[in-house]
């Protein structure tokens, strides 16, 4: 982790269900990185790379949380970093809404 001490206020839009002042940069790293990559804008992405190293970000992408990634976003970051996920891991990481009618 780099030297920034707190999350930028702009991250609130990507972490809308959290009080970003209470998030811990180390303990909540996986959630912060995932949410900002999924919901952040270009400035948020640049700030994310100021907060965390490329290796830390790659590690989160390489071990995606189940059911929280937008498919196009995960695909983009896997392509950007040449990360090859097993099909099962990739499919399980994708956020899906299942409506029973």
N, C-alpha and C. Protein backbone atom coordinates (compact mmCIF):
# COMPACT_ATOMS: atom_id res chain seq x y z
N UNK A 1 0.84 -1.17 0.00
CA UNK A 1 0.00 0.00 0.00
C UNK A 1 0.89 1.24 0.00
N UNK A 2 0.42 2.24 -0.70
CA UNK A 2 1.21 3.46 -0.82
C UNK A 2 0.97 4.38 0.36
N UNK A 3 1.45 5.62 0.29
CA UNK A 3 1.49 6.49 1.45
C UNK A 3 0.24 7.32 1.75
N UNK A 4 -0.79 7.25 0.94
CA UNK A 4 -1.99 8.02 1.25
C UNK A 4 -2.62 7.47 2.53
N UNK A 5 -3.12 8.36 3.37
CA UNK A 5 -3.63 7.97 4.68
C UNK A 5 -5.13 7.72 4.71
N UNK A 6 -5.89 8.30 3.75
CA UNK A 6 -7.34 8.13 3.78
C UNK A 6 -7.89 8.06 2.37
N UNK A 7 -9.12 7.61 2.29
CA UNK A 7 -9.79 7.50 0.99
C UNK A 7 -10.22 8.87 0.50
N UNK A 8 -10.10 9.12 -0.79
CA UNK A 8 -10.63 10.37 -1.35
C UNK A 8 -12.15 10.42 -1.17
N UNK A 9 -12.69 11.58 -0.91
CA UNK A 9 -14.13 11.73 -0.72
C UNK A 9 -14.92 11.27 -1.93
N UNK A 10 -14.34 11.39 -3.12
CA UNK A 10 -15.04 10.97 -4.34
C UNK A 10 -15.35 9.47 -4.34
N UNK A 11 -14.64 8.68 -3.53
CA UNK A 11 -14.89 7.24 -3.47
C UNK A 11 -16.26 6.93 -2.87
N UNK A 12 -16.87 7.91 -2.21
CA UNK A 12 -18.17 7.66 -1.58
C UNK A 12 -19.19 7.16 -2.59
N UNK A 13 -19.13 7.68 -3.83
CA UNK A 13 -20.11 7.24 -4.84
C UNK A 13 -19.93 5.78 -5.21
N UNK A 14 -18.72 5.26 -5.14
CA UNK A 14 -18.46 3.85 -5.45
C UNK A 14 -18.70 2.96 -4.23
N UNK A 15 -18.61 3.57 -3.07
CA UNK A 15 -18.78 2.84 -1.80
C UNK A 15 -19.98 3.41 -1.05
N UNK A 16 -21.10 3.55 -1.77
CA UNK A 16 -22.27 4.26 -1.26
C UNK A 16 -22.85 3.66 0.01
N UNK A 17 -22.68 2.38 0.24
CA UNK A 17 -23.28 1.76 1.42
C UNK A 17 -22.34 1.77 2.63
N UNK A 18 -21.24 2.47 2.52
CA UNK A 18 -20.26 2.54 3.60
C UNK A 18 -20.03 3.98 4.02
N UNK A 19 -19.62 4.15 5.26
CA UNK A 19 -19.10 5.43 5.71
C UNK A 19 -17.60 5.36 5.41
N UNK A 20 -17.16 6.03 4.36
CA UNK A 20 -15.77 5.86 3.93
C UNK A 20 -14.77 6.33 4.98
N UNK A 21 -15.21 7.17 5.91
CA UNK A 21 -14.30 7.60 6.99
C UNK A 21 -13.99 6.47 7.95
N UNK A 22 -14.82 5.43 7.94
CA UNK A 22 -14.63 4.29 8.85
C UNK A 22 -13.96 3.10 8.17
N UNK A 23 -13.78 3.16 6.87
CA UNK A 23 -13.11 2.06 6.18
C UNK A 23 -11.62 2.06 6.48
N UNK A 24 -11.08 0.88 6.64
CA UNK A 24 -9.66 0.71 6.89
C UNK A 24 -8.97 0.39 5.57
N UNK A 25 -7.96 1.16 5.20
CA UNK A 25 -7.30 0.99 3.90
C UNK A 25 -6.71 -0.40 3.71
N UNK A 26 -6.26 -1.02 4.78
CA UNK A 26 -5.69 -2.37 4.67
C UNK A 26 -6.76 -3.44 4.79
N UNK A 27 -7.54 -3.38 5.87
CA UNK A 27 -8.53 -4.41 6.16
C UNK A 27 -9.61 -4.48 5.08
N UNK A 28 -10.02 -3.34 4.56
CA UNK A 28 -11.11 -3.28 3.59
C UNK A 28 -10.61 -3.12 2.15
N UNK A 29 -9.35 -3.40 1.93
CA UNK A 29 -8.71 -3.20 0.63
C UNK A 29 -9.45 -3.90 -0.51
N UNK A 30 -9.82 -5.15 -0.33
CA UNK A 30 -10.46 -5.90 -1.40
C UNK A 30 -11.80 -5.27 -1.79
N UNK A 31 -12.57 -4.85 -0.80
CA UNK A 31 -13.86 -4.20 -1.07
C UNK A 31 -13.66 -2.86 -1.76
N UNK A 32 -12.71 -2.08 -1.27
CA UNK A 32 -12.45 -0.76 -1.85
C UNK A 32 -12.03 -0.89 -3.31
N UNK A 33 -11.07 -1.76 -3.58
CA UNK A 33 -10.57 -1.93 -4.95
C UNK A 33 -11.68 -2.44 -5.86
N UNK A 34 -12.42 -3.44 -5.43
CA UNK A 34 -13.48 -4.01 -6.25
C UNK A 34 -14.54 -2.97 -6.57
N UNK A 35 -15.00 -2.25 -5.57
CA UNK A 35 -16.07 -1.28 -5.77
C UNK A 35 -15.63 -0.11 -6.65
N UNK A 36 -14.41 0.37 -6.44
CA UNK A 36 -13.94 1.50 -7.25
C UNK A 36 -13.73 1.06 -8.70
N UNK A 37 -13.21 -0.13 -8.92
CA UNK A 37 -13.06 -0.60 -10.30
C UNK A 37 -14.42 -0.79 -10.97
N UNK A 38 -15.41 -1.23 -10.21
CA UNK A 38 -16.75 -1.45 -10.75
C UNK A 38 -17.54 -0.16 -10.97
N UNK A 39 -17.44 0.78 -10.04
CA UNK A 39 -18.35 1.93 -10.03
C UNK A 39 -17.67 3.29 -10.16
N UNK A 40 -16.36 3.33 -10.05
CA UNK A 40 -15.67 4.61 -10.07
C UNK A 40 -15.53 5.19 -11.46
N UNK A 41 -15.24 6.48 -11.49
CA UNK A 41 -14.94 7.13 -12.77
C UNK A 41 -13.42 7.15 -12.98
N UNK A 42 -12.99 7.79 -14.06
CA UNK A 42 -11.56 7.76 -14.40
C UNK A 42 -10.71 8.37 -13.29
N UNK A 43 -11.16 9.45 -12.69
CA UNK A 43 -10.40 10.08 -11.59
C UNK A 43 -10.29 9.13 -10.40
N UNK A 44 -11.37 8.43 -10.10
CA UNK A 44 -11.34 7.45 -9.01
C UNK A 44 -10.32 6.35 -9.30
N UNK A 45 -10.28 5.89 -10.54
CA UNK A 45 -9.33 4.84 -10.91
C UNK A 45 -7.89 5.35 -10.72
N UNK A 46 -7.63 6.57 -11.16
CA UNK A 46 -6.29 7.14 -10.97
C UNK A 46 -5.95 7.24 -9.49
N UNK A 47 -6.91 7.66 -8.67
CA UNK A 47 -6.68 7.75 -7.23
C UNK A 47 -6.47 6.38 -6.60
N UNK A 48 -7.17 5.37 -7.13
CA UNK A 48 -7.00 4.02 -6.63
C UNK A 48 -5.55 3.55 -6.82
N UNK A 49 -4.97 3.89 -7.98
CA UNK A 49 -3.58 3.51 -8.25
C UNK A 49 -2.60 4.35 -7.45
N UNK A 50 -3.06 5.45 -6.88
CA UNK A 50 -2.22 6.21 -5.94
C UNK A 50 -2.28 5.60 -4.54
N UNK A 51 -3.41 4.98 -4.24
CA UNK A 51 -3.61 4.36 -2.92
C UNK A 51 -2.95 3.00 -2.82
N UNK A 52 -3.11 2.20 -3.87
CA UNK A 52 -2.63 0.81 -3.86
C UNK A 52 -1.69 0.56 -5.03
N UNK A 53 -0.78 -0.37 -4.82
CA UNK A 53 0.15 -0.72 -5.88
C UNK A 53 -0.56 -1.51 -6.97
N UNK A 54 0.03 -1.54 -8.14
CA UNK A 54 -0.51 -2.33 -9.23
C UNK A 54 -0.62 -3.79 -8.83
N UNK A 55 0.36 -4.29 -8.09
CA UNK A 55 0.33 -5.69 -7.66
C UNK A 55 -0.83 -5.96 -6.72
N UNK A 56 -1.14 -5.02 -5.82
CA UNK A 56 -2.28 -5.21 -4.91
C UNK A 56 -3.59 -5.24 -5.70
N UNK A 57 -3.70 -4.37 -6.69
CA UNK A 57 -4.91 -4.31 -7.51
C UNK A 57 -5.03 -5.58 -8.35
N UNK A 58 -3.94 -6.03 -8.93
CA UNK A 58 -3.95 -7.27 -9.72
C UNK A 58 -4.37 -8.47 -8.87
N UNK A 59 -3.91 -8.49 -7.63
CA UNK A 59 -4.25 -9.60 -6.73
C UNK A 59 -5.76 -9.67 -6.49
N UNK A 60 -6.39 -8.51 -6.32
CA UNK A 60 -7.84 -8.47 -6.12
C UNK A 60 -8.56 -8.94 -7.38
N UNK A 61 -8.09 -8.51 -8.54
CA UNK A 61 -8.70 -8.94 -9.81
C UNK A 61 -8.48 -10.44 -10.03
N UNK A 62 -7.33 -10.94 -9.66
CA UNK A 62 -6.99 -12.35 -9.85
C UNK A 62 -7.77 -13.27 -8.92
N UNK A 63 -8.29 -12.71 -7.83
CA UNK A 63 -9.06 -13.47 -6.85
C UNK A 63 -10.39 -12.76 -6.62
N UNK A 64 -11.22 -12.70 -7.67
CA UNK A 64 -12.43 -11.89 -7.58
C UNK A 64 -13.45 -12.44 -6.59
N UNK A 65 -14.08 -11.52 -5.87
CA UNK A 65 -15.14 -11.91 -4.95
C UNK A 65 -16.34 -12.42 -5.74
N UNK A 66 -17.05 -13.33 -5.16
CA UNK A 66 -18.18 -13.98 -5.82
C UNK A 66 -19.38 -13.03 -5.94
N UNK A 67 -19.89 -12.93 -7.16
CA UNK A 67 -21.14 -12.24 -7.40
C UNK A 67 -21.15 -10.73 -7.28
N UNK A 68 -19.99 -10.09 -7.38
CA UNK A 68 -19.98 -8.62 -7.20
C UNK A 68 -19.43 -7.85 -8.40
N UNK A 69 -18.89 -8.53 -9.38
CA UNK A 69 -18.27 -7.84 -10.52
C UNK A 69 -19.24 -7.70 -11.69
N UNK A 70 -19.21 -6.54 -12.34
CA UNK A 70 -19.89 -6.40 -13.62
C UNK A 70 -19.02 -7.13 -14.65
N UNK A 71 -19.67 -7.88 -15.51
CA UNK A 71 -18.92 -8.71 -16.46
C UNK A 71 -17.97 -7.88 -17.33
N UNK A 72 -18.45 -6.78 -17.88
CA UNK A 72 -17.60 -5.96 -18.75
C UNK A 72 -16.43 -5.35 -17.99
N UNK A 73 -16.65 -5.02 -16.73
CA UNK A 73 -15.57 -4.43 -15.92
C UNK A 73 -14.50 -5.48 -15.63
N UNK A 74 -14.92 -6.65 -15.17
CA UNK A 74 -13.96 -7.71 -14.87
C UNK A 74 -13.20 -8.11 -16.14
N UNK A 75 -13.91 -8.22 -17.24
CA UNK A 75 -13.27 -8.56 -18.51
C UNK A 75 -12.23 -7.51 -18.89
N UNK A 76 -12.59 -6.23 -18.75
CA UNK A 76 -11.66 -5.14 -19.08
C UNK A 76 -10.38 -5.24 -18.26
N UNK A 77 -10.51 -5.37 -16.93
CA UNK A 77 -9.32 -5.39 -16.08
C UNK A 77 -8.49 -6.66 -16.27
N UNK A 78 -9.15 -7.78 -16.53
CA UNK A 78 -8.39 -9.00 -16.83
C UNK A 78 -7.58 -8.80 -18.11
N UNK A 79 -8.19 -8.20 -19.12
CA UNK A 79 -7.47 -7.93 -20.37
C UNK A 79 -6.34 -6.92 -20.15
N UNK A 80 -6.60 -5.87 -19.38
CA UNK A 80 -5.58 -4.84 -19.14
C UNK A 80 -4.32 -5.43 -18.50
N UNK A 81 -4.52 -6.36 -17.58
CA UNK A 81 -3.39 -6.92 -16.85
C UNK A 81 -3.02 -8.33 -17.31
N UNK A 82 -3.63 -8.78 -18.41
CA UNK A 82 -3.36 -10.11 -18.94
C UNK A 82 -3.55 -11.19 -17.87
N UNK A 83 -4.67 -11.09 -17.16
CA UNK A 83 -5.01 -12.05 -16.11
C UNK A 83 -5.95 -13.08 -16.71
N UNK A 84 -5.61 -14.32 -16.57
CA UNK A 84 -6.43 -15.42 -17.07
C UNK A 84 -7.11 -16.09 -15.87
N UNK A 85 -8.43 -15.94 -15.80
CA UNK A 85 -9.19 -16.60 -14.73
C UNK A 85 -9.80 -17.88 -15.27
N UNK A 86 -9.86 -18.89 -14.41
CA UNK A 86 -10.58 -20.10 -14.80
C UNK A 86 -12.04 -19.73 -15.04
N UNK A 87 -12.67 -20.38 -16.01
CA UNK A 87 -14.04 -20.05 -16.40
C UNK A 87 -14.99 -20.07 -15.20
N UNK A 88 -14.86 -21.05 -14.34
CA UNK A 88 -15.73 -21.16 -13.17
C UNK A 88 -15.55 -19.97 -12.22
N UNK A 89 -14.33 -19.56 -11.99
CA UNK A 89 -14.06 -18.42 -11.12
C UNK A 89 -14.62 -17.14 -11.73
N UNK A 90 -14.39 -16.97 -13.02
CA UNK A 90 -14.90 -15.79 -13.73
C UNK A 90 -16.42 -15.74 -13.65
N UNK A 91 -17.08 -16.84 -13.99
CA UNK A 91 -18.54 -16.87 -13.99
C UNK A 91 -19.11 -16.64 -12.59
N UNK A 92 -18.48 -17.18 -11.57
CA UNK A 92 -18.94 -16.99 -10.19
C UNK A 92 -18.75 -15.56 -9.71
N UNK A 93 -17.82 -14.84 -10.29
CA UNK A 93 -17.54 -13.47 -9.86
C UNK A 93 -18.56 -12.47 -10.41
N UNK A 94 -19.26 -12.85 -11.47
CA UNK A 94 -20.16 -11.92 -12.16
C UNK A 94 -21.44 -11.71 -11.36
N UNK A 95 -21.82 -10.44 -11.24
CA UNK A 95 -23.06 -10.04 -10.59
C UNK A 95 -24.22 -10.36 -11.52
N UNK A 96 -25.18 -11.12 -11.02
CA UNK A 96 -26.34 -11.48 -11.82
C UNK A 96 -27.60 -11.30 -10.99
N UNK A 97 -28.62 -10.80 -11.64
CA UNK A 97 -29.92 -10.68 -10.99
C UNK A 97 -30.80 -11.78 -11.58
N UNK A 98 -31.27 -12.64 -10.72
CA UNK A 98 -32.13 -13.73 -11.16
C UNK A 98 -33.55 -13.40 -10.72
N UNK A 99 -34.41 -13.21 -11.68
CA UNK A 99 -35.79 -12.91 -11.40
C UNK A 99 -36.64 -14.15 -11.66
N UNK A 100 -37.36 -14.56 -10.64
CA UNK A 100 -38.28 -15.68 -10.81
C UNK A 100 -39.66 -15.11 -11.07
N UNK A 101 -40.24 -15.51 -12.17
CA UNK A 101 -41.58 -15.00 -12.52
C UNK A 101 -42.56 -16.15 -12.53
